[in-house]
Structure formats: C-alpha cells, structure tokens
Amino acid sequence: MSARLFLAAALVVGSLAGPALARQQPAAPPAAQAPAEPRSDAEMAMNARGEAFSGRMDQMKAELQVAMDDPATDAAGKTAATDAILNRYQPEIDAFAGELEAFFRSEAGKPENVSQRDQLLAAADAAPPAIRGIPQIVRTAVQQALTAPPAAAAPQ
C-alpha cells in the first residue's frame, strides 16, 4: 500500500484551493512514475472511487465556473449560486471523506502494512478534514474573487 490515494486526495483539494476558479493552465507533463506495486482489491476499489470523486469535483468546478462567469448575475447572486452548488455536492464530499478515512484506517490495521502504519494513520487523520473543507475553501475563494478589484487591462 502506498500513499497514492492520499496524494490523489491532496490533488483534489489543491485543485480547488487555488485562486477562485482560475482559468485552467496547461497541465505539466506527467512525472516519471515508479513501477506500480501490486494492489489489493480494496485499494483498486478505493482508487476507482477516488477517480469517480475527482470527476464529480471537476463537474462541480465547471458548474461553479459557469455561475461565476455569468455577466447577468451580481455578487449576491453568484454567492447564492455558489452556495446552492456546494450544498448539492456536500453529501458526496462528506461520504467520500468518510470512505477514505475508513479505507486508510483499515489498511493501517493490516499486518502487511505495518511499515506504513504511521503514514496511513496520518493520511486517515489529514485527508478527510481537507476533503470536507472543500466547500469552505471554495466559498472563501469566491468571496475573495467577488471583492477583489477588477484586473487592469493589459497594455496594448
């Protein structure tokens, strides 16, 4: 068992923690990866669940971007739209955080993972609160974006 899932969870959180719904930058080329170690059925299932969750977070991010880009909506409307979107996704966020915590704790208890027990328990303690914090991170970023002065036009 490696920390792949913890890193995936951190990437999900990090992708939403940047500047409020900033335009996507081109992705950096993937780093060379070490050969994959054998994975348990539980790890493969959790990885699939993580990929599905990441897809749902991408969908949420797209919905938030549409709400923020709507020129006909004022700041209060954008805040209300953001809250409605986040409230719709909150149960999924909470469920995934709970599943991930249970997975890490279960993996930490397995004899074959004794050398990674501390790392797995640290992931079980850190990842779920970070994931559950996604809505607040987004709300804060949206409020900062709505109250920030408009960007100056680029010189021509």
N, C-alpha and C. Protein backbone atom coordinates (compact mmCIF):
# COMPACT_ATOMS: atom_id res chain seq x y z
N MET A 1 0.86 -1.18 0.00
CA MET A 1 0.00 0.00 0.00
C MET A 1 0.89 1.22 0.00
N SER A 2 0.62 2.16 -0.90
CA SER A 2 1.39 3.39 -0.94
C SER A 2 0.48 4.56 -0.59
N ALA A 3 1.03 5.73 -0.68
CA ALA A 3 0.26 6.94 -0.36
C ALA A 3 -0.40 7.51 -1.60
N ARG A 4 -0.58 6.71 -2.65
CA ARG A 4 -1.20 7.21 -3.89
C ARG A 4 -2.55 7.86 -3.63
N LEU A 5 -3.38 7.20 -2.84
CA LEU A 5 -4.71 7.75 -2.61
C LEU A 5 -4.65 9.05 -1.82
N PHE A 6 -3.73 9.12 -0.85
CA PHE A 6 -3.59 10.36 -0.10
C PHE A 6 -3.17 11.48 -1.04
N LEU A 7 -2.23 11.19 -1.93
CA LEU A 7 -1.79 12.21 -2.88
C LEU A 7 -2.91 12.61 -3.82
N ALA A 8 -3.72 11.63 -4.24
CA ALA A 8 -4.86 11.96 -5.10
C ALA A 8 -5.84 12.86 -4.36
N ALA A 9 -6.09 12.56 -3.09
CA ALA A 9 -6.99 13.41 -2.31
C ALA A 9 -6.41 14.81 -2.17
N ALA A 10 -5.12 14.90 -1.94
CA ALA A 10 -4.48 16.21 -1.82
C ALA A 10 -4.58 16.98 -3.13
N LEU A 11 -4.47 16.30 -4.25
CA LEU A 11 -4.59 16.97 -5.54
C LEU A 11 -5.99 17.51 -5.76
N VAL A 12 -7.00 16.73 -5.34
CA VAL A 12 -8.38 17.20 -5.47
C VAL A 12 -8.57 18.47 -4.66
N VAL A 13 -8.13 18.44 -3.43
CA VAL A 13 -8.26 19.62 -2.57
C VAL A 13 -7.47 20.78 -3.15
N GLY A 14 -6.25 20.52 -3.55
CA GLY A 14 -5.40 21.57 -4.10
C GLY A 14 -5.96 22.19 -5.36
N SER A 15 -6.64 21.40 -6.17
CA SER A 15 -7.18 21.94 -7.41
C SER A 15 -8.29 22.94 -7.14
N LEU A 16 -8.92 22.84 -5.98
CA LEU A 16 -9.99 23.77 -5.64
C LEU A 16 -9.53 24.87 -4.71
N ALA A 17 -8.32 24.76 -4.17
CA ALA A 17 -7.86 25.71 -3.18
C ALA A 17 -7.12 26.89 -3.78
N GLY A 18 -6.86 26.87 -5.06
CA GLY A 18 -6.13 27.95 -5.71
C GLY A 18 -6.99 29.18 -5.84
N PRO A 19 -6.56 30.14 -6.63
CA PRO A 19 -7.36 31.34 -6.84
C PRO A 19 -8.75 30.95 -7.30
N ALA A 20 -9.70 31.75 -6.94
CA ALA A 20 -11.10 31.40 -7.17
C ALA A 20 -11.36 31.04 -8.61
N LEU A 21 -11.54 29.76 -8.82
CA LEU A 21 -11.96 29.24 -10.10
C LEU A 21 -11.16 29.82 -11.26
N ALA A 22 -9.86 29.91 -11.06
CA ALA A 22 -8.98 30.47 -12.09
C ALA A 22 -9.07 29.63 -13.34
N ARG A 23 -8.82 30.25 -14.46
CA ARG A 23 -8.81 29.52 -15.72
C ARG A 23 -7.75 28.43 -15.66
N GLN A 24 -8.04 27.33 -16.26
CA GLN A 24 -7.12 26.21 -16.25
C GLN A 24 -5.85 26.56 -17.00
N GLN A 25 -4.72 26.24 -16.42
CA GLN A 25 -3.42 26.38 -17.07
C GLN A 25 -3.12 25.05 -17.75
N PRO A 26 -2.31 25.07 -18.81
CA PRO A 26 -1.95 23.79 -19.43
C PRO A 26 -1.28 22.88 -18.40
N ALA A 27 -1.63 21.63 -18.45
CA ALA A 27 -1.09 20.68 -17.49
C ALA A 27 0.39 20.44 -17.76
N ALA A 28 1.13 20.29 -16.68
CA ALA A 28 2.55 19.97 -16.80
C ALA A 28 2.66 18.53 -17.27
N PRO A 29 3.73 18.20 -17.97
CA PRO A 29 3.87 16.80 -18.39
C PRO A 29 3.97 15.90 -17.16
N PRO A 30 3.40 14.71 -17.24
CA PRO A 30 3.44 13.82 -16.08
C PRO A 30 4.86 13.42 -15.74
N ALA A 31 5.11 13.33 -14.44
CA ALA A 31 6.43 12.91 -13.97
C ALA A 31 6.58 11.41 -14.20
N ALA A 32 7.80 10.99 -14.35
CA ALA A 32 8.06 9.56 -14.50
C ALA A 32 7.60 8.85 -13.23
N GLN A 33 6.93 7.75 -13.39
CA GLN A 33 6.40 7.04 -12.24
C GLN A 33 7.15 5.74 -12.04
N ALA A 34 7.29 5.40 -10.78
CA ALA A 34 7.91 4.12 -10.44
C ALA A 34 6.94 3.01 -10.84
N PRO A 35 7.45 1.83 -11.09
CA PRO A 35 6.55 0.72 -11.42
C PRO A 35 5.52 0.54 -10.30
N ALA A 36 4.30 0.28 -10.70
CA ALA A 36 3.23 0.12 -9.72
C ALA A 36 3.44 -1.16 -8.93
N GLU A 37 3.19 -1.05 -7.64
CA GLU A 37 3.28 -2.23 -6.79
C GLU A 37 1.95 -2.97 -6.86
N PRO A 38 1.93 -4.23 -6.52
CA PRO A 38 0.67 -4.98 -6.54
C PRO A 38 -0.36 -4.27 -5.65
N ARG A 39 -1.59 -4.25 -6.11
CA ARG A 39 -2.63 -3.56 -5.37
C ARG A 39 -3.71 -4.55 -4.95
N SER A 40 -4.23 -4.30 -3.77
CA SER A 40 -5.30 -5.15 -3.26
C SER A 40 -6.61 -4.76 -3.94
N ASP A 41 -7.59 -5.65 -3.82
CA ASP A 41 -8.92 -5.34 -4.35
C ASP A 41 -9.48 -4.09 -3.67
N ALA A 42 -9.24 -3.96 -2.37
CA ALA A 42 -9.74 -2.79 -1.63
C ALA A 42 -9.09 -1.52 -2.15
N GLU A 43 -7.78 -1.57 -2.42
CA GLU A 43 -7.10 -0.38 -2.93
C GLU A 43 -7.59 -0.03 -4.32
N MET A 44 -7.78 -1.04 -5.17
CA MET A 44 -8.28 -0.76 -6.52
C MET A 44 -9.69 -0.18 -6.46
N ALA A 45 -10.52 -0.70 -5.56
CA ALA A 45 -11.88 -0.17 -5.42
C ALA A 45 -11.85 1.27 -4.91
N MET A 46 -10.98 1.55 -3.94
CA MET A 46 -10.89 2.91 -3.42
C MET A 46 -10.32 3.84 -4.47
N ASN A 47 -9.38 3.37 -5.26
CA ASN A 47 -8.83 4.18 -6.33
C ASN A 47 -9.92 4.53 -7.34
N ALA A 48 -10.75 3.55 -7.70
CA ALA A 48 -11.86 3.81 -8.62
C ALA A 48 -12.83 4.82 -8.02
N ARG A 49 -13.10 4.67 -6.73
CA ARG A 49 -13.99 5.62 -6.04
C ARG A 49 -13.37 7.01 -6.04
N GLY A 50 -12.04 7.08 -5.85
CA GLY A 50 -11.34 8.37 -5.88
C GLY A 50 -11.40 9.01 -7.25
N GLU A 51 -11.26 8.21 -8.29
CA GLU A 51 -11.36 8.75 -9.65
C GLU A 51 -12.76 9.27 -9.92
N ALA A 52 -13.76 8.53 -9.47
CA ALA A 52 -15.15 8.98 -9.65
C ALA A 52 -15.38 10.29 -8.88
N PHE A 53 -14.86 10.36 -7.67
CA PHE A 53 -14.99 11.58 -6.87
C PHE A 53 -14.30 12.75 -7.56
N SER A 54 -13.12 12.51 -8.08
CA SER A 54 -12.39 13.56 -8.78
C SER A 54 -13.20 14.06 -9.98
N GLY A 55 -13.84 13.15 -10.69
CA GLY A 55 -14.70 13.54 -11.80
C GLY A 55 -15.87 14.40 -11.35
N ARG A 56 -16.45 14.04 -10.22
CA ARG A 56 -17.56 14.83 -9.68
C ARG A 56 -17.07 16.21 -9.25
N MET A 57 -15.86 16.29 -8.70
CA MET A 57 -15.31 17.59 -8.31
C MET A 57 -15.01 18.44 -9.55
N ASP A 58 -14.58 17.80 -10.63
CA ASP A 58 -14.39 18.53 -11.89
C ASP A 58 -15.72 19.08 -12.39
N GLN A 59 -16.77 18.26 -12.26
CA GLN A 59 -18.10 18.70 -12.67
C GLN A 59 -18.56 19.87 -11.80
N MET A 60 -18.34 19.77 -10.49
CA MET A 60 -18.70 20.86 -9.59
C MET A 60 -17.95 22.13 -9.96
N LYS A 61 -16.66 21.98 -10.22
CA LYS A 61 -15.84 23.13 -10.59
C LYS A 61 -16.37 23.80 -11.86
N ALA A 62 -16.78 22.99 -12.84
CA ALA A 62 -17.34 23.54 -14.08
C ALA A 62 -18.63 24.30 -13.79
N GLU A 63 -19.48 23.75 -12.93
CA GLU A 63 -20.72 24.44 -12.57
C GLU A 63 -20.42 25.76 -11.87
N LEU A 64 -19.44 25.74 -10.98
CA LEU A 64 -19.07 26.97 -10.27
C LEU A 64 -18.52 28.00 -11.25
N GLN A 65 -17.75 27.56 -12.22
CA GLN A 65 -17.18 28.48 -13.21
C GLN A 65 -18.29 29.15 -14.01
N VAL A 66 -19.29 28.37 -14.42
CA VAL A 66 -20.42 28.93 -15.16
C VAL A 66 -21.12 29.99 -14.31
N ALA A 67 -21.35 29.68 -13.04
CA ALA A 67 -22.02 30.63 -12.15
C ALA A 67 -21.20 31.91 -12.00
N MET A 68 -19.89 31.77 -11.86
CA MET A 68 -19.03 32.95 -11.68
C MET A 68 -18.89 33.77 -12.95
N ASP A 69 -18.97 33.12 -14.10
CA ASP A 69 -18.78 33.82 -15.38
C ASP A 69 -20.04 34.49 -15.89
N ASP A 70 -21.18 34.27 -15.25
CA ASP A 70 -22.44 34.83 -15.73
C ASP A 70 -22.44 36.35 -15.55
N PRO A 71 -22.38 37.11 -16.66
CA PRO A 71 -22.32 38.56 -16.54
C PRO A 71 -23.64 39.19 -16.07
N ALA A 72 -24.72 38.44 -16.15
CA ALA A 72 -26.02 38.98 -15.75
C ALA A 72 -26.28 38.82 -14.26
N THR A 73 -25.38 38.15 -13.55
CA THR A 73 -25.59 37.88 -12.14
C THR A 73 -24.67 38.75 -11.30
N ASP A 74 -25.25 39.41 -10.28
CA ASP A 74 -24.44 40.25 -9.40
C ASP A 74 -23.75 39.38 -8.34
N ALA A 75 -22.97 40.03 -7.48
CA ALA A 75 -22.19 39.31 -6.47
C ALA A 75 -23.08 38.48 -5.55
N ALA A 76 -24.20 39.04 -5.12
CA ALA A 76 -25.10 38.29 -4.23
C ALA A 76 -25.66 37.06 -4.95
N GLY A 77 -25.99 37.21 -6.20
CA GLY A 77 -26.50 36.08 -6.98
C GLY A 77 -25.44 35.01 -7.18
N LYS A 78 -24.20 35.45 -7.41
CA LYS A 78 -23.11 34.49 -7.58
C LYS A 78 -22.83 33.76 -6.27
N THR A 79 -22.93 34.48 -5.16
CA THR A 79 -22.74 33.83 -3.86
C THR A 79 -23.84 32.80 -3.62
N ALA A 80 -25.08 33.17 -3.93
CA ALA A 80 -26.20 32.25 -3.75
C ALA A 80 -26.06 31.03 -4.67
N ALA A 81 -25.64 31.25 -5.90
CA ALA A 81 -25.45 30.14 -6.83
C ALA A 81 -24.34 29.21 -6.34
N THR A 82 -23.26 29.81 -5.85
CA THR A 82 -22.15 29.02 -5.30
C THR A 82 -22.63 28.17 -4.14
N ASP A 83 -23.38 28.78 -3.22
CA ASP A 83 -23.89 28.03 -2.07
C ASP A 83 -24.79 26.88 -2.51
N ALA A 84 -25.65 27.13 -3.48
CA ALA A 84 -26.56 26.08 -3.96
C ALA A 84 -25.77 24.92 -4.56
N ILE A 85 -24.77 25.24 -5.36
CA ILE A 85 -23.95 24.19 -5.97
C ILE A 85 -23.22 23.40 -4.89
N LEU A 86 -22.56 24.10 -3.98
CA LEU A 86 -21.80 23.42 -2.93
C LEU A 86 -22.70 22.59 -2.03
N ASN A 87 -23.88 23.10 -1.71
CA ASN A 87 -24.81 22.35 -0.87
C ASN A 87 -25.25 21.05 -1.55
N ARG A 88 -25.38 21.09 -2.88
CA ARG A 88 -25.75 19.88 -3.62
C ARG A 88 -24.64 18.83 -3.56
N TYR A 89 -23.40 19.26 -3.58
CA TYR A 89 -22.27 18.33 -3.59
C TYR A 89 -21.80 17.93 -2.18
N GLN A 90 -22.22 18.65 -1.16
CA GLN A 90 -21.73 18.39 0.20
C GLN A 90 -21.92 16.94 0.65
N PRO A 91 -23.09 16.32 0.41
CA PRO A 91 -23.22 14.92 0.85
C PRO A 91 -22.20 13.98 0.20
N GLU A 92 -21.90 14.20 -1.09
CA GLU A 92 -20.90 13.37 -1.77
C GLU A 92 -19.51 13.61 -1.19
N ILE A 93 -19.21 14.86 -0.90
CA ILE A 93 -17.91 15.22 -0.33
C ILE A 93 -17.75 14.54 1.03
N ASP A 94 -18.76 14.66 1.87
CA ASP A 94 -18.71 14.04 3.20
C ASP A 94 -18.60 12.52 3.11
N ALA A 95 -19.37 11.92 2.19
CA ALA A 95 -19.34 10.47 2.05
C ALA A 95 -17.96 9.99 1.60
N PHE A 96 -17.37 10.67 0.62
CA PHE A 96 -16.05 10.25 0.15
C PHE A 96 -15.01 10.43 1.25
N ALA A 97 -15.08 11.51 1.98
CA ALA A 97 -14.13 11.73 3.07
C ALA A 97 -14.23 10.60 4.10
N GLY A 98 -15.44 10.20 4.44
CA GLY A 98 -15.63 9.11 5.38
C GLY A 98 -15.11 7.78 4.84
N GLU A 99 -15.38 7.52 3.56
CA GLU A 99 -14.90 6.28 2.94
C GLU A 99 -13.37 6.24 2.91
N LEU A 100 -12.76 7.37 2.58
CA LEU A 100 -11.31 7.43 2.50
C LEU A 100 -10.68 7.22 3.88
N GLU A 101 -11.27 7.84 4.89
CA GLU A 101 -10.76 7.65 6.25
C GLU A 101 -10.86 6.18 6.67
N ALA A 102 -12.02 5.57 6.41
CA ALA A 102 -12.20 4.16 6.77
C ALA A 102 -11.21 3.28 6.02
N PHE A 103 -10.98 3.59 4.76
CA PHE A 103 -10.03 2.81 3.97
C PHE A 103 -8.63 2.90 4.56
N PHE A 104 -8.16 4.12 4.83
CA PHE A 104 -6.82 4.28 5.38
C PHE A 104 -6.68 3.57 6.72
N ARG A 105 -7.68 3.69 7.57
CA ARG A 105 -7.61 3.03 8.88
C ARG A 105 -7.61 1.51 8.73
N SER A 106 -8.40 1.01 7.79
CA SER A 106 -8.42 -0.43 7.54
C SER A 106 -7.07 -0.91 7.03
N GLU A 107 -6.49 -0.17 6.10
CA GLU A 107 -5.18 -0.53 5.56
C GLU A 107 -4.10 -0.46 6.64
N ALA A 108 -4.21 0.50 7.53
CA ALA A 108 -3.22 0.65 8.60
C ALA A 108 -3.24 -0.54 9.55
N GLY A 109 -4.39 -1.19 9.67
CA GLY A 109 -4.52 -2.32 10.57
C GLY A 109 -4.06 -3.65 9.99
N LYS A 110 -3.71 -3.66 8.71
CA LYS A 110 -3.30 -4.92 8.08
C LYS A 110 -1.83 -5.22 8.37
N PRO A 111 -1.53 -6.48 8.71
CA PRO A 111 -0.14 -6.84 9.03
C PRO A 111 0.85 -6.50 7.92
N GLU A 112 0.44 -6.65 6.67
CA GLU A 112 1.37 -6.37 5.56
C GLU A 112 1.69 -4.89 5.41
N ASN A 113 0.96 -4.03 6.10
CA ASN A 113 1.19 -2.59 6.01
C ASN A 113 1.83 -2.02 7.27
N VAL A 114 2.39 -2.88 8.11
CA VAL A 114 2.95 -2.42 9.38
C VAL A 114 4.01 -1.34 9.18
N SER A 115 4.80 -1.45 8.11
CA SER A 115 5.86 -0.45 7.90
C SER A 115 5.30 0.90 7.47
N GLN A 116 4.05 0.92 7.01
CA GLN A 116 3.44 2.18 6.58
C GLN A 116 2.30 2.61 7.50
N ARG A 117 2.19 1.95 8.63
CA ARG A 117 1.07 2.22 9.54
C ARG A 117 0.98 3.69 9.92
N ASP A 118 2.08 4.29 10.34
CA ASP A 118 2.04 5.69 10.75
C ASP A 118 1.63 6.60 9.60
N GLN A 119 2.14 6.33 8.42
CA GLN A 119 1.79 7.13 7.24
C GLN A 119 0.30 7.00 6.91
N LEU A 120 -0.22 5.79 6.99
CA LEU A 120 -1.63 5.56 6.70
C LEU A 120 -2.52 6.23 7.74
N LEU A 121 -2.14 6.14 9.01
CA LEU A 121 -2.93 6.80 10.05
C LEU A 121 -2.88 8.31 9.92
N ALA A 122 -1.72 8.83 9.53
CA ALA A 122 -1.61 10.28 9.29
C ALA A 122 -2.51 10.69 8.14
N ALA A 123 -2.56 9.87 7.10
CA ALA A 123 -3.44 10.16 5.96
C ALA A 123 -4.90 10.09 6.39
N ALA A 124 -5.23 9.12 7.24
CA ALA A 124 -6.61 8.99 7.74
C ALA A 124 -7.01 10.20 8.57
N ASP A 125 -6.05 10.79 9.26
CA ASP A 125 -6.33 11.98 10.06
C ASP A 125 -6.38 13.26 9.23
N ALA A 126 -5.55 13.35 8.19
CA ALA A 126 -5.40 14.60 7.44
C ALA A 126 -6.33 14.73 6.23
N ALA A 127 -6.46 13.68 5.46
CA ALA A 127 -7.20 13.79 4.20
C ALA A 127 -8.69 14.09 4.39
N PRO A 128 -9.41 13.38 5.26
CA PRO A 128 -10.84 13.63 5.37
C PRO A 128 -11.21 15.07 5.75
N PRO A 129 -10.55 15.69 6.75
CA PRO A 129 -10.91 17.08 7.04
C PRO A 129 -10.60 18.02 5.86
N ALA A 130 -9.53 17.73 5.15
CA ALA A 130 -9.20 18.56 3.99
C ALA A 130 -10.27 18.43 2.92
N ILE A 131 -10.74 17.22 2.70
CA ILE A 131 -11.78 17.00 1.70
C ILE A 131 -13.09 17.63 2.15
N ARG A 132 -13.44 17.44 3.41
CA ARG A 132 -14.68 18.06 3.93
C ARG A 132 -14.60 19.58 3.89
N GLY A 133 -13.39 20.12 3.87
CA GLY A 133 -13.20 21.57 3.83
C GLY A 133 -13.31 22.17 2.44
N ILE A 134 -13.47 21.34 1.41
CA ILE A 134 -13.54 21.87 0.05
C ILE A 134 -14.61 22.96 -0.08
N PRO A 135 -15.84 22.75 0.39
CA PRO A 135 -16.84 23.81 0.21
C PRO A 135 -16.42 25.14 0.85
N GLN A 136 -15.83 25.10 2.03
CA GLN A 136 -15.42 26.36 2.67
C GLN A 136 -14.28 27.01 1.90
N ILE A 137 -13.36 26.20 1.40
CA ILE A 137 -12.27 26.74 0.59
C ILE A 137 -12.83 27.45 -0.63
N VAL A 138 -13.79 26.82 -1.28
CA VAL A 138 -14.40 27.42 -2.47
C VAL A 138 -15.16 28.69 -2.10
N ARG A 139 -15.94 28.65 -1.03
CA ARG A 139 -16.68 29.85 -0.62
C ARG A 139 -15.74 31.02 -0.35
N THR A 140 -14.65 30.75 0.35
CA THR A 140 -13.67 31.80 0.64
C THR A 140 -13.06 32.34 -0.64
N ALA A 141 -12.70 31.45 -1.55
CA ALA A 141 -12.10 31.89 -2.82
C ALA A 141 -13.09 32.70 -3.64
N VAL A 142 -14.35 32.30 -3.65
CA VAL A 142 -15.37 33.04 -4.39
C VAL A 142 -15.54 34.43 -3.79
N GLN A 143 -15.62 34.51 -2.47
CA GLN A 143 -15.77 35.83 -1.84
C GLN A 143 -14.57 36.72 -2.14
N GLN A 144 -13.38 36.15 -2.12
CA GLN A 144 -12.20 36.94 -2.45
C GLN A 144 -12.26 37.42 -3.90
N ALA A 145 -12.71 36.56 -4.79
CA ALA A 145 -12.81 36.94 -6.20
C ALA A 145 -13.86 38.03 -6.40
N LEU A 146 -14.95 37.93 -5.66
CA LEU A 146 -16.03 38.92 -5.82
C LEU A 146 -15.68 40.27 -5.23
N THR A 147 -14.79 40.29 -4.24
CA THR A 147 -14.44 41.56 -3.60
C THR A 147 -13.12 42.13 -4.10
N ALA A 148 -12.41 41.37 -4.93
CA ALA A 148 -11.13 41.85 -5.46
C ALA A 148 -11.39 42.94 -6.49
N PRO A 149 -10.51 43.95 -6.53
CA PRO A 149 -10.68 44.97 -7.56
C PRO A 149 -10.49 44.35 -8.94
N PRO A 150 -11.17 44.91 -9.94
CA PRO A 150 -11.03 44.35 -11.28
C PRO A 150 -9.58 44.43 -11.75
N ALA A 151 -9.17 43.44 -12.50
CA ALA A 151 -7.80 43.43 -13.02
C ALA A 151 -7.65 44.53 -14.06
N ALA A 152 -6.48 45.15 -14.05
CA ALA A 152 -6.21 46.20 -15.03
C ALA A 152 -6.10 45.58 -16.41
N ALA A 153 -6.54 46.31 -17.40
CA ALA A 153 -6.44 45.83 -18.78
C ALA A 153 -4.98 45.77 -19.18
N ALA A 154 -4.65 44.77 -19.95
CA ALA A 154 -3.26 44.62 -20.41
C ALA A 154 -2.93 45.72 -21.40
N PRO A 155 -1.72 46.31 -21.30
CA PRO A 155 -1.33 47.36 -22.25
C PRO A 155 -1.23 46.78 -23.66
N GLN A 156 -1.58 47.62 -24.61
CA GLN A 156 -1.56 47.14 -26.00
C GLN A 156 -0.48 47.80 -26.78
